[in-house]
Amino acid sequence: MTELRTPAGSRVHEIDVVRGFALAGILVANIGFYADPGYALAGSMTIPEGPVASAITAFVLTKFYIIFSFLFGYSFTLQMRSAERAGASVTARTVRRCLGLFMIGVVHGILLWIGDILTLYAVLGLILLTLRKVSPKRAVAIGSVIIGVLTLLMAALAWLSTLDPTAGQAPAADPVAAARALALATGGPLDVLTLQLELYPPLVAMIWLFQGPTALAMFLFGLAAGKSRLLEEPERWSRLLPRIQWIGFGFGVPGGILLAVTAGDTGPGELVGLAVNNVTSILLAAAYVATLLRVIRRHPAVGRALAPAGRVAASNYVGQSVLACLVFTGYGLALAGELPPIAVMGVALVIYTVLLWLSARWLRTHRHGPIEAVLRRVTNGG
């Protein structure tokens, strides 16, 4: 197969494909909260019981936002190069882009999705801006230290919990509060908005606290890969893909299964599962990406189907929330609490398929997605 280098200033097809693929995992991880918002009150896993829950916990949760975060860091290097080619200030463009991303995230979080991650990405983007001159090796080293410290902290908490098994246990779910949340979610639009305003501040704080450090580490890994132009030169990584798959699946699958088995454990088991997953989720995410890259090399049609969604990923991210709200909340059909987990996954598949189709249709007549157009205008200063 002929190897092609990505011309300067053009899009990187592999990034668009992987980003389009990651959107599917993001949707599967998030949709359980729409299906039953009572889970958000206790901060528990989405769809917390049964085989569907176990599969999502083992193979989806934490893995796809890791991919998304890595790609954010990689794309940051592409945006830096774009600014330099245009003779524009990298700092000014990045600050404006992060401000725009933050504002979109606040609106998205309040109106549609309480678990919005755009505000976190905006803040971490500013941190990445201050680190943009670090070498790829140093970026990887800093990211690795962050992951290592987080893992050790979780392991230490697991050990401490053996001294006092009751310490740090989450309070039992309040069925009255869960019923109220469900009633608000399936009430009128004002009821939905009331629930959003109640749940968004504490949940976004939890996301910043627990996902922020890992996301920053992945930003740094992506920055290192982008500076090395890793995905733009396929001949450099194609021979490594089988090895990444063996290592990633070999360690990542057992780590994911451990997370699923220990989820909800009242003792130190859950913290042990989280500590192990903190490392193995990165390996499993890498194996997913390696597998996808091998698939699209053999079957280019798969890449062509996924790439449009990846090109307008921000619009798809918000679009997932719009469609999920229309299905599950009082903004639309108000089906929250009505569907079994397998049916919820069916809804996720339909939403993802619809967005793939809409993305391809939109890009036939537009260069950018709706959200991307706004961000581009803000980034370029109008």
Protein backbone atom coordinates (compact mmCIF):
# COMPACT_ATOMS: atom_id res chain seq x y z
CA MET A 1 0.00 0.00 0.00
CA THR A 2 1.33 3.45 -0.89
CA GLU A 3 2.16 5.62 2.13
CA LEU A 4 1.03 9.22 1.93
CA ARG A 5 2.37 12.14 3.94
CA THR A 6 -0.12 14.75 5.02
CA PRO A 7 0.56 18.03 3.21
CA ALA A 8 1.14 21.07 5.40
CA GLY A 9 -2.09 22.83 6.26
CA SER A 10 -4.38 19.94 5.29
CA ARG A 11 -6.54 17.88 7.63
CA VAL A 12 -5.15 14.66 9.05
CA HIS A 13 -7.57 11.95 7.95
CA GLU A 14 -6.61 9.56 10.74
CA ILE A 15 -7.38 12.15 13.41
CA ASP A 16 -10.84 12.77 11.96
CA VAL A 17 -11.53 9.03 11.80
CA VAL A 18 -10.40 8.33 15.36
CA ARG A 19 -12.34 11.34 16.65
CA GLY A 20 -15.47 10.16 14.85
CA PHE A 21 -15.01 6.72 16.41
CA ALA A 22 -14.49 8.19 19.88
CA LEU A 23 -17.82 9.99 19.64
CA ALA A 24 -19.56 6.59 19.75
CA GLY A 25 -17.90 5.71 23.05
CA ILE A 26 -18.64 9.13 24.52
CA LEU A 27 -22.32 8.69 23.67
CA VAL A 28 -22.51 5.19 25.17
CA ALA A 29 -20.80 6.40 28.35
CA ASN A 30 -23.12 9.39 28.75
CA ILE A 31 -26.53 8.20 27.65
CA GLY A 32 -27.27 6.27 30.85
CA PHE A 33 -27.61 9.52 32.77
CA TYR A 34 -30.28 10.67 30.34
CA ALA A 35 -32.03 7.32 30.60
CA ASP A 36 -32.24 7.63 34.39
CA PRO A 37 -30.93 10.92 35.85
CA GLY A 38 -31.31 9.60 39.39
CA TYR A 39 -27.87 8.01 38.97
CA ALA A 40 -26.28 11.45 38.84
CA LEU A 41 -27.44 12.21 42.38
CA ALA A 42 -25.16 9.56 43.87
CA GLY A 43 -22.41 10.01 41.30
CA SER A 44 -22.69 6.33 40.40
CA MET A 45 -21.90 4.60 37.14
CA THR A 46 -24.42 4.94 34.36
CA ILE A 47 -26.81 1.96 34.20
CA PRO A 48 -25.19 0.54 37.36
CA GLU A 49 -26.52 -3.02 37.31
CA GLY A 50 -26.64 -5.99 34.96
CA PRO A 51 -24.58 -7.24 32.02
CA VAL A 52 -24.97 -4.05 29.99
CA ALA A 53 -23.60 -2.05 32.91
CA SER A 54 -20.68 -4.42 33.32
CA ALA A 55 -19.78 -4.24 29.63
CA ILE A 56 -19.95 -0.43 29.60
CA THR A 57 -17.88 -0.14 32.77
CA ALA A 58 -15.24 -2.59 31.56
CA PHE A 59 -14.86 -1.50 27.96
CA VAL A 60 -16.21 2.03 27.58
CA LEU A 61 -16.06 4.19 30.71
CA THR A 62 -12.92 6.38 30.87
CA LYS A 63 -11.49 4.89 27.66
CA PHE A 64 -13.03 7.21 25.11
CA TYR A 65 -12.60 10.52 26.88
CA ILE A 66 -8.93 9.49 27.07
CA ILE A 67 -8.88 9.21 23.27
CA PHE A 68 -10.69 12.54 22.95
CA SER A 69 -8.22 14.23 25.31
CA PHE A 70 -5.23 12.85 23.42
CA LEU A 71 -6.65 14.16 20.16
CA PHE A 72 -7.25 17.59 21.73
CA GLY A 73 -3.55 17.79 22.56
CA TYR A 74 -2.58 16.64 19.08
CA SER A 75 -4.95 19.11 17.41
CA PHE A 76 -3.46 21.88 19.54
CA THR A 77 -0.18 21.44 17.64
CA LEU A 78 -2.03 21.68 14.32
CA GLN A 79 -3.69 24.91 15.46
CA MET A 80 -0.31 26.30 16.50
CA ARG A 81 1.10 25.58 13.06
CA SER A 82 -1.96 27.16 11.43
CA ALA A 83 -1.50 30.34 13.46
CA GLU A 84 2.20 30.48 12.60
CA ARG A 85 1.49 30.06 8.87
CA ALA A 86 -1.04 32.89 9.07
CA GLY A 87 1.38 35.11 10.98
CA ALA A 88 -1.08 35.26 13.89
CA SER A 89 -0.37 35.09 17.62
CA VAL A 90 -0.62 31.54 18.93
CA THR A 91 -1.36 32.88 22.41
CA ALA A 92 -4.14 35.23 21.31
CA ARG A 93 -5.79 32.61 19.13
CA THR A 94 -5.64 29.94 21.82
CA VAL A 95 -7.02 32.21 24.54
CA ARG A 96 -9.91 33.26 22.30
CA ARG A 97 -10.61 29.66 21.32
CA CYS A 98 -10.60 28.48 24.93
CA LEU A 99 -12.90 31.33 25.94
CA GLY A 100 -15.30 30.37 23.16
CA LEU A 101 -15.11 26.72 24.14
CA PHE A 102 -15.78 27.60 27.77
CA MET A 103 -18.88 29.64 26.93
CA ILE A 104 -20.26 26.91 24.68
CA GLY A 105 -19.58 24.41 27.45
CA VAL A 106 -21.48 26.45 30.05
CA VAL A 107 -24.54 26.77 27.80
CA HIS A 108 -24.31 23.07 26.88
CA GLY A 109 -23.97 22.04 30.53
CA ILE A 110 -26.86 24.13 31.80
CA LEU A 111 -29.34 23.43 29.02
CA LEU A 112 -28.48 19.93 27.80
CA TRP A 113 -25.77 17.83 29.44
CA ILE A 114 -24.74 18.21 33.08
CA GLY A 115 -21.60 16.16 32.43
CA ASP A 116 -20.22 18.61 29.86
CA ILE A 117 -16.44 18.45 29.50
CA LEU A 118 -15.89 21.46 27.24
CA THR A 119 -15.33 23.86 30.14
CA LEU A 120 -12.66 21.54 31.54
CA TYR A 121 -10.99 21.32 28.13
CA ALA A 122 -11.04 25.11 27.84
CA VAL A 123 -9.24 25.58 31.16
CA LEU A 124 -6.76 22.78 30.48
CA GLY A 125 -6.18 24.27 27.02
CA LEU A 126 -4.81 27.39 28.70
CA ILE A 127 -2.50 25.25 30.81
CA LEU A 128 -1.36 23.44 27.66
CA LEU A 129 -0.65 26.84 26.10
CA THR A 130 1.86 27.57 28.86
CA LEU A 131 3.52 24.19 28.23
CA ARG A 132 3.56 24.40 24.44
CA LYS A 133 7.34 24.82 24.19
CA VAL A 134 8.24 21.66 26.10
CA SER A 135 9.93 18.92 24.10
CA PRO A 136 7.99 15.77 23.20
CA LYS A 137 10.07 13.70 25.66
CA ARG A 138 9.44 16.17 28.47
CA ALA A 139 5.72 16.30 27.68
CA VAL A 140 5.52 12.50 27.89
CA ALA A 141 7.50 12.55 31.13
CA ILE A 142 5.20 15.13 32.76
CA GLY A 143 2.09 13.26 31.61
CA SER A 144 3.48 9.99 32.93
CA VAL A 145 4.23 11.56 36.31
CA ILE A 146 0.64 12.82 36.53
CA ILE A 147 -0.74 9.35 35.80
CA GLY A 148 1.70 7.74 38.20
CA VAL A 149 0.89 10.10 41.07
CA LEU A 150 -2.86 9.63 40.54
CA THR A 151 -2.47 5.86 40.56
CA LEU A 152 -0.40 5.91 43.74
CA LEU A 153 -2.91 8.22 45.44
CA MET A 154 -5.76 5.84 44.64
CA ALA A 155 -3.73 2.87 45.82
CA ALA A 156 -2.91 4.71 49.05
CA LEU A 157 -6.58 5.52 49.59
CA ALA A 158 -7.40 1.85 49.04
CA TRP A 159 -4.87 0.88 51.71
CA LEU A 160 -6.16 3.53 54.13
CA SER A 161 -9.71 2.29 53.62
CA THR A 162 -8.65 -1.11 54.99
CA LEU A 163 -7.90 0.62 58.29
CA ASP A 164 -11.39 2.09 58.49
CA PRO A 165 -13.76 0.38 56.02
CA THR A 166 -16.53 2.90 56.73
CA ALA A 167 -14.42 5.94 55.86
CA GLY A 168 -14.98 7.51 52.49
CA GLN A 169 -17.99 5.39 51.64
CA ALA A 170 -20.52 7.14 49.44
CA PRO A 171 -23.85 7.78 51.13
CA ALA A 172 -26.66 5.44 50.18
CA ALA A 173 -28.79 6.59 47.28
CA ASP A 174 -31.89 8.48 48.35
CA PRO A 175 -34.88 6.94 46.51
CA VAL A 176 -37.01 10.02 47.17
CA ALA A 177 -34.40 12.33 45.62
CA ALA A 178 -33.95 9.94 42.67
CA ALA A 179 -37.71 9.87 42.08
CA ARG A 180 -37.82 13.66 42.16
CA ALA A 181 -34.97 13.88 39.65
CA LEU A 182 -36.80 11.51 37.31
CA ALA A 183 -40.03 13.50 37.69
CA LEU A 184 -38.25 16.74 36.83
CA ALA A 185 -36.43 15.17 33.88
CA THR A 186 -39.69 13.93 32.39
CA GLY A 187 -41.72 17.02 33.26
CA GLY A 188 -41.99 20.15 31.16
CA PRO A 189 -39.01 22.09 29.75
CA LEU A 190 -38.88 24.31 32.84
CA ASP A 191 -38.72 21.21 35.05
CA VAL A 192 -35.82 19.88 32.99
CA LEU A 193 -34.02 23.20 33.28
CA THR A 194 -34.57 23.20 37.05
CA LEU A 195 -32.93 19.78 37.31
CA GLN A 196 -30.05 20.87 35.09
CA LEU A 197 -29.38 23.93 37.24
CA GLU A 198 -29.41 21.81 40.40
CA LEU A 199 -27.13 19.04 39.17
CA TYR A 200 -24.72 20.89 36.88
CA PRO A 201 -22.56 22.77 39.46
CA PRO A 202 -21.70 19.79 41.72
CA LEU A 203 -21.25 17.39 38.82
CA VAL A 204 -19.00 19.71 36.82
CA ALA A 205 -16.89 20.24 39.94
CA MET A 206 -16.54 16.46 40.29
CA ILE A 207 -15.56 16.16 36.62
CA TRP A 208 -12.90 18.84 36.97
CA LEU A 209 -11.51 17.16 40.09
CA PHE A 210 -11.49 13.53 38.99
CA GLN A 211 -11.09 13.75 35.20
CA GLY A 212 -8.99 16.91 34.99
CA PRO A 213 -5.55 15.46 35.87
CA THR A 214 -5.92 12.49 33.52
CA ALA A 215 -7.18 14.74 30.73
CA LEU A 216 -4.17 17.03 31.19
CA ALA A 217 -1.83 14.04 30.99
CA MET A 218 -3.47 12.94 27.76
CA PHE A 219 -3.25 16.51 26.41
CA LEU A 220 0.49 16.30 27.00
CA PHE A 221 0.77 12.90 25.32
CA GLY A 222 -1.15 14.33 22.36
CA LEU A 223 1.10 17.40 22.32
CA ALA A 224 4.15 15.15 22.15
CA ALA A 225 2.63 13.09 19.34
CA GLY A 226 1.61 16.21 17.44
CA LYS A 227 5.04 17.79 17.72
CA SER A 228 6.49 14.55 16.39
CA ARG A 229 3.86 14.51 13.57
CA LEU A 230 3.17 10.91 14.53
CA LEU A 231 -0.22 10.48 12.85
CA GLU A 232 0.84 12.46 9.79
CA GLU A 233 3.54 9.96 8.85
CA PRO A 234 1.89 6.50 8.79
CA GLU A 235 5.10 4.67 7.93
CA ARG A 236 6.43 5.57 11.39
CA TRP A 237 3.68 3.84 13.34
CA SER A 238 2.02 1.24 11.11
CA ARG A 239 4.49 -1.53 12.04
CA LEU A 240 3.91 -0.86 15.75
CA LEU A 241 0.14 -1.35 15.64
CA PRO A 242 0.09 -5.15 16.28
CA ARG A 243 2.35 -4.71 19.30
CA ILE A 244 0.15 -1.93 20.66
CA GLN A 245 -2.86 -4.20 20.27
CA TRP A 246 -1.23 -7.10 22.11
CA ILE A 247 -0.08 -4.93 25.01
CA GLY A 248 -3.23 -2.80 25.11
CA PHE A 249 -5.73 -5.63 25.05
CA GLY A 250 -3.50 -7.88 27.16
CA PHE A 251 -3.46 -5.45 30.08
CA GLY A 252 -6.46 -3.26 29.28
CA VAL A 253 -9.14 -5.95 29.14
CA PRO A 254 -8.26 -7.47 32.54
CA GLY A 255 -8.05 -3.96 34.01
CA GLY A 256 -11.48 -3.09 32.63
CA ILE A 257 -12.98 -6.31 33.94
CA LEU A 258 -11.50 -5.61 37.37
CA LEU A 259 -13.10 -2.16 37.30
CA ALA A 260 -16.47 -3.68 36.45
CA VAL A 261 -16.20 -6.38 39.12
CA THR A 262 -15.22 -3.93 41.85
CA ALA A 263 -17.62 -1.12 40.85
CA GLY A 264 -19.84 -0.28 43.81
CA ASP A 265 -17.70 -2.29 46.25
CA THR A 266 -18.11 -0.90 49.77
CA GLY A 267 -14.55 -1.81 50.77
CA PRO A 268 -11.17 -0.98 49.23
CA GLY A 269 -11.97 -3.06 46.14
CA GLU A 270 -13.43 -0.18 44.15
CA LEU A 271 -10.40 2.02 44.82
CA VAL A 272 -8.10 -0.80 43.76
CA GLY A 273 -10.10 -1.20 40.56
CA LEU A 274 -9.91 2.55 39.91
CA ALA A 275 -6.16 2.62 40.58
CA VAL A 276 -5.51 -0.24 38.16
CA ASN A 277 -7.90 1.20 35.58
CA ASN A 278 -6.09 4.54 35.75
CA VAL A 279 -3.22 2.89 33.87
CA THR A 280 -4.89 0.06 31.96
CA SER A 281 -7.61 2.32 30.51
CA ILE A 282 -4.89 4.20 28.63
CA LEU A 283 -3.52 0.93 27.28
CA LEU A 284 -6.98 -0.26 26.22
CA ALA A 285 -7.74 3.08 24.57
CA ALA A 286 -4.46 2.78 22.64
CA ALA A 287 -5.43 -0.74 21.54
CA TYR A 288 -8.80 0.55 20.29
CA VAL A 289 -7.07 3.24 18.25
CA ALA A 290 -4.49 0.80 16.88
CA THR A 291 -7.24 -1.60 15.84
CA LEU A 292 -9.20 1.16 14.13
CA LEU A 293 -6.13 2.37 12.24
CA ARG A 294 -5.49 -1.15 10.97
CA VAL A 295 -9.14 -1.53 9.96
CA ILE A 296 -9.22 1.69 7.93
CA ARG A 297 -6.00 0.76 6.15
CA ARG A 298 -7.63 -2.46 4.96
CA HIS A 299 -11.13 -1.06 4.57
CA PRO A 300 -10.93 2.66 3.65
CA ALA A 301 -14.73 2.87 3.45
CA VAL A 302 -14.87 2.63 7.25
CA GLY A 303 -12.64 5.67 7.52
CA ARG A 304 -14.69 7.57 4.99
CA ALA A 305 -17.84 6.86 7.01
CA LEU A 306 -16.36 8.02 10.33
CA ALA A 307 -14.27 10.99 9.18
CA PRO A 308 -17.14 13.48 8.59
CA ALA A 309 -18.31 13.10 12.20
CA GLY A 310 -14.74 13.64 13.36
CA ARG A 311 -14.41 16.78 11.27
CA VAL A 312 -17.40 18.29 13.08
CA ALA A 313 -16.81 16.61 16.44
CA ALA A 314 -17.89 19.55 18.60
CA SER A 315 -21.18 19.83 16.74
CA ASN A 316 -21.68 16.08 17.12
CA TYR A 317 -20.87 16.22 20.83
CA VAL A 318 -23.57 18.84 21.36
CA GLY A 319 -25.82 17.09 18.83
CA GLN A 320 -25.70 13.90 20.91
CA SER A 321 -27.01 15.86 23.86
CA VAL A 322 -29.79 17.46 21.82
CA LEU A 323 -31.04 14.13 20.48
CA ALA A 324 -30.69 12.36 23.85
CA CYS A 325 -32.70 15.15 25.49
CA LEU A 326 -35.39 14.88 22.84
CA VAL A 327 -35.70 11.15 23.50
CA PHE A 328 -35.40 10.97 27.28
CA THR A 329 -36.36 14.33 28.81
CA GLY A 330 -39.34 16.66 28.96
CA TYR A 331 -37.81 18.57 26.05
CA GLY A 332 -39.22 15.77 23.92
CA LEU A 333 -40.55 12.24 24.41
CA ALA A 334 -39.68 12.03 28.15
CA LEU A 335 -38.74 8.33 28.04
CA ALA A 336 -36.34 8.49 31.00
CA GLY A 337 -36.92 5.54 33.31
CA GLU A 338 -39.01 3.71 30.71
CA LEU A 339 -36.46 1.73 28.69
CA PRO A 340 -34.35 -1.29 29.73
CA PRO A 341 -30.55 -0.90 29.39
CA ILE A 342 -30.33 -2.83 26.11
CA ALA A 343 -32.96 -0.55 24.58
CA VAL A 344 -31.00 2.49 25.80
CA MET A 345 -28.01 1.16 23.89
CA GLY A 346 -30.25 0.79 20.86
CA VAL A 347 -31.19 4.46 21.16
CA ALA A 348 -27.48 5.30 21.34
CA LEU A 349 -26.86 3.37 18.12
CA VAL A 350 -29.69 5.19 16.35
CA ILE A 351 -28.46 8.60 17.54
CA TYR A 352 -24.91 7.85 16.44
CA THR A 353 -26.05 6.61 13.04
CA VAL A 354 -28.22 9.68 12.50
CA LEU A 355 -25.33 11.98 13.40
CA LEU A 356 -22.95 10.15 11.05
CA TRP A 357 -25.44 10.69 8.24
CA LEU A 358 -26.08 14.33 9.14
CA SER A 359 -22.35 15.04 9.34
CA ALA A 360 -21.73 13.69 5.84
CA ARG A 361 -24.72 15.59 4.44
CA TRP A 362 -23.70 18.84 6.13
CA LEU A 363 -20.14 18.72 4.85
CA ARG A 364 -21.33 18.41 1.27
CA THR A 365 -22.32 22.06 1.38
CA HIS A 366 -20.37 23.49 4.33
CA ARG A 367 -16.68 23.56 5.23
CA HIS A 368 -17.28 23.56 8.99
CA GLY A 369 -19.90 22.34 11.43
CA PRO A 370 -22.17 24.85 13.20
CA ILE A 371 -20.21 24.79 16.49
CA GLU A 372 -16.90 24.68 14.64
CA ALA A 373 -17.88 27.74 12.60
CA VAL A 374 -18.57 29.70 15.80
CA LEU A 375 -15.31 28.55 17.38
CA ARG A 376 -13.37 29.39 14.22
CA ARG A 377 -14.83 32.88 14.12
CA VAL A 378 -14.01 33.46 17.80
CA THR A 379 -10.53 31.98 17.42
CA ASN A 380 -9.67 34.19 14.47
CA GLY A 381 -11.03 37.28 16.18
CA GLY A 382 -14.18 37.68 14.11
